[in-house]
Amino acid sequence: IDRLGLELGYGLIPLVDAEQDGELLERIKSIRRQVALEIGFIVPPIHIKDNLELAPGAYS
């Protein structure tokens, strides 16, 4: 299974930083859980990391 990934520009890091009240990780967990319950497909964990080569508000 290929690993799912999300790279964030440094301006988006607060979205995943719990100390800055970032909610993205919890939202992703919730979506994964919802998909599993509704259609029976288990979405693999999503690897999230910063990428300083991206524009501050960009993601890939």
PDB file of N, CA and C in Angstrom:
ATOM      1  N   ILE A   1       0.855  -1.175   0.000  1.00  0.00           N
ATOM      2  CA  ILE A   1       0.000   0.000   0.000  1.00  0.00           C
ATOM      3  C   ILE A   1       0.899   1.235   0.000  1.00  0.00           C
ATOM      4  N   ASP A   2       0.632   2.152  -0.919  1.00  0.00           N
ATOM      5  CA  ASP A   2       1.370   3.408  -0.946  1.00  0.00           C
ATOM      6  C   ASP A   2       0.943   4.282   0.224  1.00  0.00           C
ATOM      7  N   ARG A   3       1.891   4.990   0.760  1.00  0.00           N
ATOM      8  CA  ARG A   3       1.635   5.867   1.891  1.00  0.00           C
ATOM      9  C   ARG A   3       1.020   7.177   1.404  1.00  0.00           C
ATOM     10  N   LEU A   4      -0.016   7.619   2.085  1.00  0.00           N
ATOM     11  CA  LEU A   4      -0.620   8.911   1.771  1.00  0.00           C
ATOM     12  C   LEU A   4       0.158   9.997   2.504  1.00  0.00           C
ATOM     13  N   GLY A   5       0.377  11.104   1.823  1.00  0.00           N
ATOM     14  CA  GLY A   5       1.146  12.169   2.444  1.00  0.00           C
ATOM     15  C   GLY A   5       0.584  13.538   2.135  1.00  0.00           C
ATOM     16  N   LEU A   6       0.896  14.463   3.002  1.00  0.00           N
ATOM     17  CA  LEU A   6       0.505  15.853   2.839  1.00  0.00           C
ATOM     18  C   LEU A   6       1.686  16.696   3.283  1.00  0.00           C
ATOM     19  N   GLU A   7       2.151  17.562   2.387  1.00  0.00           N
ATOM     20  CA  GLU A   7       3.242  18.467   2.719  1.00  0.00           C
ATOM     21  C   GLU A   7       2.677  19.872   2.837  1.00  0.00           C
ATOM     22  N   LEU A   8       3.113  20.591   3.872  1.00  0.00           N
ATOM     23  CA  LEU A   8       2.588  21.921   4.153  1.00  0.00           C
ATOM     24  C   LEU A   8       3.690  22.967   4.086  1.00  0.00           C
ATOM     25  N   GLY A   9       3.374  24.116   3.508  1.00  0.00           N
ATOM     26  CA  GLY A   9       4.265  25.265   3.598  1.00  0.00           C
ATOM     27  C   GLY A   9       4.281  25.767   5.035  1.00  0.00           C
ATOM     28  N   TYR A  10       5.339  26.503   5.399  1.00  0.00           N
ATOM     29  CA  TYR A  10       5.488  26.887   6.809  1.00  0.00           C
ATOM     30  C   TYR A  10       4.335  27.745   7.337  1.00  0.00           C
ATOM     31  N   GLY A  11       3.618  28.418   6.472  1.00  0.00           N
ATOM     32  CA  GLY A  11       2.486  29.223   6.923  1.00  0.00           C
ATOM     33  C   GLY A  11       1.290  28.395   7.362  1.00  0.00           C
ATOM     34  N   LEU A  12       1.263  27.123   6.978  1.00  0.00           N
ATOM     35  CA  LEU A  12       0.144  26.243   7.338  1.00  0.00           C
ATOM     36  C   LEU A  12       0.446  25.356   8.543  1.00  0.00           C
ATOM     37  N   ILE A  13       1.653  25.421   9.043  1.00  0.00           N
ATOM     38  CA  ILE A  13       2.037  24.573  10.172  1.00  0.00           C
ATOM     39  C   ILE A  13       1.129  24.767  11.390  1.00  0.00           C
ATOM     40  N   PRO A  14       0.671  25.988  11.685  1.00  0.00           N
ATOM     41  CA  PRO A  14      -0.241  26.135  12.834  1.00  0.00           C
ATOM     42  C   PRO A  14      -1.500  25.269  12.736  1.00  0.00           C
ATOM     43  N   LEU A  15      -1.889  24.872  11.547  1.00  0.00           N
ATOM     44  CA  LEU A  15      -3.075  24.014  11.396  1.00  0.00           C
ATOM     45  C   LEU A  15      -2.890  22.646  12.039  1.00  0.00           C
ATOM     46  N   VAL A  16      -1.640  22.191  12.162  1.00  0.00           N
ATOM     47  CA  VAL A  16      -1.386  20.866  12.728  1.00  0.00           C
ATOM     48  C   VAL A  16      -0.691  20.931  14.087  1.00  0.00           C
ATOM     49  N   ASP A  17      -0.433  22.134  14.573  1.00  0.00           N
ATOM     50  CA  ASP A  17       0.263  22.307  15.847  1.00  0.00           C
ATOM     51  C   ASP A  17      -0.759  22.425  16.978  1.00  0.00           C
ATOM     52  N   ALA A  18      -0.807  21.409  17.827  1.00  0.00           N
ATOM     53  CA  ALA A  18      -1.777  21.388  18.926  1.00  0.00           C
ATOM     54  C   ALA A  18      -1.573  22.563  19.881  1.00  0.00           C
ATOM     55  N   GLU A  19      -0.333  23.020  20.045  1.00  0.00           N
ATOM     56  CA  GLU A  19      -0.062  24.149  20.937  1.00  0.00           C
ATOM     57  C   GLU A  19      -0.655  25.452  20.398  1.00  0.00           C
ATOM     58  N   GLN A  20      -0.944  25.481  19.096  1.00  0.00           N
ATOM     59  CA  GLN A  20      -1.551  26.664  18.485  1.00  0.00           C
ATOM     60  C   GLN A  20      -3.017  26.397  18.138  1.00  0.00           C
ATOM     61  N   ASP A  21      -3.597  25.417  18.820  1.00  0.00           N
ATOM     62  CA  ASP A  21      -4.995  25.021  18.614  1.00  0.00           C
ATOM     63  C   ASP A  21      -5.280  24.542  17.190  1.00  0.00           C
ATOM     64  N   GLY A  22      -4.277  23.941  16.567  1.00  0.00           N
ATOM     65  CA  GLY A  22      -4.473  23.382  15.230  1.00  0.00           C
ATOM     66  C   GLY A  22      -5.388  22.170  15.293  1.00  0.00           C
ATOM     67  N   GLU A  23      -6.367  22.116  14.418  1.00  0.00           N
ATOM     68  CA  GLU A  23      -7.369  21.046  14.439  1.00  0.00           C
ATOM     69  C   GLU A  23      -7.255  20.085  13.264  1.00  0.00           C
ATOM     70  N   LEU A  24      -6.314  20.307  12.363  1.00  0.00           N
ATOM     71  CA  LEU A  24      -6.273  19.508  11.142  1.00  0.00           C
ATOM     72  C   LEU A  24      -6.080  18.019  11.419  1.00  0.00           C
ATOM     73  N   LEU A  25      -5.215  17.661  12.344  1.00  0.00           N
ATOM     74  CA  LEU A  25      -4.979  16.242  12.630  1.00  0.00           C
ATOM     75  C   LEU A  25      -6.253  15.560  13.124  1.00  0.00           C
ATOM     76  N   GLU A  26      -6.969  16.216  14.023  1.00  0.00           N
ATOM     77  CA  GLU A  26      -8.217  15.639  14.532  1.00  0.00           C
ATOM     78  C   GLU A  26      -9.272  15.557  13.438  1.00  0.00           C
ATOM     79  N   ARG A  27      -9.318  16.540  12.573  1.00  0.00           N
ATOM     80  CA  ARG A  27     -10.287  16.510  11.473  1.00  0.00           C
ATOM     81  C   ARG A  27      -9.985  15.372  10.508  1.00  0.00           C
ATOM     82  N   ILE A  28      -8.706  15.156  10.233  1.00  0.00           N
ATOM     83  CA  ILE A  28      -8.332  14.051   9.346  1.00  0.00           C
ATOM     84  C   ILE A  28      -8.714  12.720   9.984  1.00  0.00           C
ATOM     85  N   LYS A  29      -8.441  12.568  11.277  1.00  0.00           N
ATOM     86  CA  LYS A  29      -8.833  11.337  11.980  1.00  0.00           C
ATOM     87  C   LYS A  29     -10.336  11.118  11.888  1.00  0.00           C
ATOM     88  N   SER A  30     -11.087  12.187  12.071  1.00  0.00           N
ATOM     89  CA  SER A  30     -12.544  12.102  12.017  1.00  0.00           C
ATOM     90  C   SER A  30     -13.027  11.684  10.627  1.00  0.00           C
ATOM     91  N   ILE A  31     -12.439  12.253   9.603  1.00  0.00           N
ATOM     92  CA  ILE A  31     -12.821  11.895   8.230  1.00  0.00           C
ATOM     93  C   ILE A  31     -12.479  10.441   7.947  1.00  0.00           C
ATOM     94  N   ARG A  32     -11.309   9.993   8.374  1.00  0.00           N
ATOM     95  CA  ARG A  32     -10.919   8.589   8.168  1.00  0.00           C
ATOM     96  C   ARG A  32     -11.916   7.655   8.855  1.00  0.00           C
ATOM     97  N   ARG A  33     -12.299   8.012  10.076  1.00  0.00           N
ATOM     98  CA  ARG A  33     -13.255   7.202  10.837  1.00  0.00           C
ATOM     99  C   ARG A  33     -14.613   7.173  10.136  1.00  0.00           C
ATOM    100  N   GLN A  34     -15.064   8.333   9.659  1.00  0.00           N
ATOM    101  CA  GLN A  34     -16.357   8.447   8.977  1.00  0.00           C
ATOM    102  C   GLN A  34     -16.386   7.592   7.712  1.00  0.00           C
ATOM    103  N   VAL A  35     -15.319   7.642   6.929  1.00  0.00           N
ATOM    104  CA  VAL A  35     -15.246   6.841   5.700  1.00  0.00           C
ATOM    105  C   VAL A  35     -15.308   5.357   6.050  1.00  0.00           C
ATOM    106  N   ALA A  36     -14.584   4.960   7.093  1.00  0.00           N
ATOM    107  CA  ALA A  36     -14.590   3.551   7.494  1.00  0.00           C
ATOM    108  C   ALA A  36     -15.988   3.098   7.906  1.00  0.00           C
ATOM    109  N   LEU A  37     -16.691   3.932   8.649  1.00  0.00           N
ATOM    110  CA  LEU A  37     -18.032   3.569   9.107  1.00  0.00           C
ATOM    111  C   LEU A  37     -19.055   3.559   7.978  1.00  0.00           C
ATOM    112  N   GLU A  38     -18.962   4.543   7.082  1.00  0.00           N
ATOM    113  CA  GLU A  38     -19.986   4.680   6.048  1.00  0.00           C
ATOM    114  C   GLU A  38     -19.801   3.741   4.867  1.00  0.00           C
ATOM    115  N   ILE A  39     -18.568   3.548   4.434  1.00  0.00           N
ATOM    116  CA  ILE A  39     -18.384   2.709   3.242  1.00  0.00           C
ATOM    117  C   ILE A  39     -17.489   1.499   3.478  1.00  0.00           C
ATOM    118  N   GLY A  40     -16.990   1.359   4.699  1.00  0.00           N
ATOM    119  CA  GLY A  40     -16.214   0.176   5.032  1.00  0.00           C
ATOM    120  C   GLY A  40     -14.795   0.172   4.495  1.00  0.00           C
ATOM    121  N   PHE A  41     -14.317   1.302   4.018  1.00  0.00           N
ATOM    122  CA  PHE A  41     -12.954   1.398   3.504  1.00  0.00           C
ATOM    123  C   PHE A  41     -12.087   2.063   4.558  1.00  0.00           C
ATOM    124  N   ILE A  42     -11.021   1.395   4.943  1.00  0.00           N
ATOM    125  CA  ILE A  42     -10.121   1.957   5.941  1.00  0.00           C
ATOM    126  C   ILE A  42      -9.049   2.769   5.225  1.00  0.00           C
ATOM    127  N   VAL A  43      -9.122   4.074   5.400  1.00  0.00           N
ATOM    128  CA  VAL A  43      -8.135   4.973   4.801  1.00  0.00           C
ATOM    129  C   VAL A  43      -6.852   4.861   5.624  1.00  0.00           C
ATOM    130  N   PRO A  44      -5.732   4.594   4.974  1.00  0.00           N
ATOM    131  CA  PRO A  44      -4.483   4.472   5.729  1.00  0.00           C
ATOM    132  C   PRO A  44      -4.107   5.802   6.387  1.00  0.00           C
ATOM    133  N   PRO A  45      -3.259   5.739   7.399  1.00  0.00           N
ATOM    134  CA  PRO A  45      -2.806   6.978   8.036  1.00  0.00           C
ATOM    135  C   PRO A  45      -2.166   7.913   7.008  1.00  0.00           C
ATOM    136  N   ILE A  46      -2.277   9.192   7.257  1.00  0.00           N
ATOM    137  CA  ILE A  46      -1.732  10.203   6.357  1.00  0.00           C
ATOM    138  C   ILE A  46      -0.520  10.840   7.025  1.00  0.00           C
ATOM    139  N   HIS A  47       0.609  10.741   6.348  1.00  0.00           N
ATOM    140  CA  HIS A  47       1.858  11.310   6.856  1.00  0.00           C
ATOM    141  C   HIS A  47       1.893  12.798   6.511  1.00  0.00           C
ATOM    142  N   ILE A  48       2.020  13.635   7.527  1.00  0.00           N
ATOM    143  CA  ILE A  48       2.029  15.084   7.320  1.00  0.00           C
ATOM    144  C   ILE A  48       3.396  15.620   7.720  1.00  0.00           C
ATOM    145  N   LYS A  49       3.968  16.458   6.835  1.00  0.00           N
ATOM    146  CA  LYS A  49       5.256  17.068   7.160  1.00  0.00           C
ATOM    147  C   LYS A  49       5.337  18.453   6.547  1.00  0.00           C
ATOM    148  N   ASP A  50       6.235  19.254   7.107  1.00  0.00           N
ATOM    149  CA  ASP A  50       6.449  20.582   6.544  1.00  0.00           C
ATOM    150  C   ASP A  50       7.402  20.472   5.357  1.00  0.00           C
ATOM    151  N   ASN A  51       7.289  21.429   4.459  1.00  0.00           N
ATOM    152  CA  ASN A  51       8.164  21.487   3.292  1.00  0.00           C
ATOM    153  C   ASN A  51       8.486  22.957   3.064  1.00  0.00           C
ATOM    154  N   LEU A  52       9.694  23.347   3.434  1.00  0.00           N
ATOM    155  CA  LEU A  52      10.091  24.748   3.339  1.00  0.00           C
ATOM    156  C   LEU A  52      10.289  25.206   1.903  1.00  0.00           C
ATOM    157  N   GLU A  53      10.280  24.283   0.959  1.00  0.00           N
ATOM    158  CA  GLU A  53      10.401  24.654  -0.446  1.00  0.00           C
ATOM    159  C   GLU A  53       9.063  25.121  -1.024  1.00  0.00           C
ATOM    160  N   LEU A  54       7.977  24.819  -0.333  1.00  0.00           N
ATOM    161  CA  LEU A  54       6.658  25.276  -0.774  1.00  0.00           C
ATOM    162  C   LEU A  54       6.441  26.727  -0.343  1.00  0.00           C
ATOM    163  N   ALA A  55       5.579  27.415  -1.060  1.00  0.00           N
ATOM    164  CA  ALA A  55       5.180  28.758  -0.631  1.00  0.00           C
ATOM    165  C   ALA A  55       4.518  28.642   0.742  1.00  0.00           C
ATOM    166  N   PRO A  56       4.576  29.693   1.566  1.00  0.00           N
ATOM    167  CA  PRO A  56       4.057  29.607   2.937  1.00  0.00           C
ATOM    168  C   PRO A  56       2.636  29.061   3.062  1.00  0.00           C
ATOM    169  N   GLY A  57       1.743  29.416   2.165  1.00  0.00           N
ATOM    170  CA  GLY A  57       0.356  28.964   2.260  1.00  0.00           C
ATOM    171  C   GLY A  57       0.027  27.807   1.346  1.00  0.00           C
ATOM    172  N   ALA A  58       1.060  27.165   0.793  1.00  0.00           N
ATOM    173  CA  ALA A  58       0.840  26.092  -0.180  1.00  0.00           C
ATOM    174  C   ALA A  58       0.888  24.722   0.489  1.00  0.00           C
ATOM    175  N   TYR A  59       0.337  23.755  -0.208  1.00  0.00           N
ATOM    176  CA  TYR A  59       0.401  22.363   0.240  1.00  0.00           C
ATOM    177  C   TYR A  59       0.465  21.470  -0.984  1.00  0.00           C
ATOM    178  N   SER A  60       0.931  20.266  -0.770  1.00  0.00           N
ATOM    179  CA  SER A  60       0.947  19.290  -1.868  1.00  0.00           C
ATOM    180  C   SER A  60       0.810  17.898  -1.299  1.00  0.00           C
TER     181      SER A  60
END
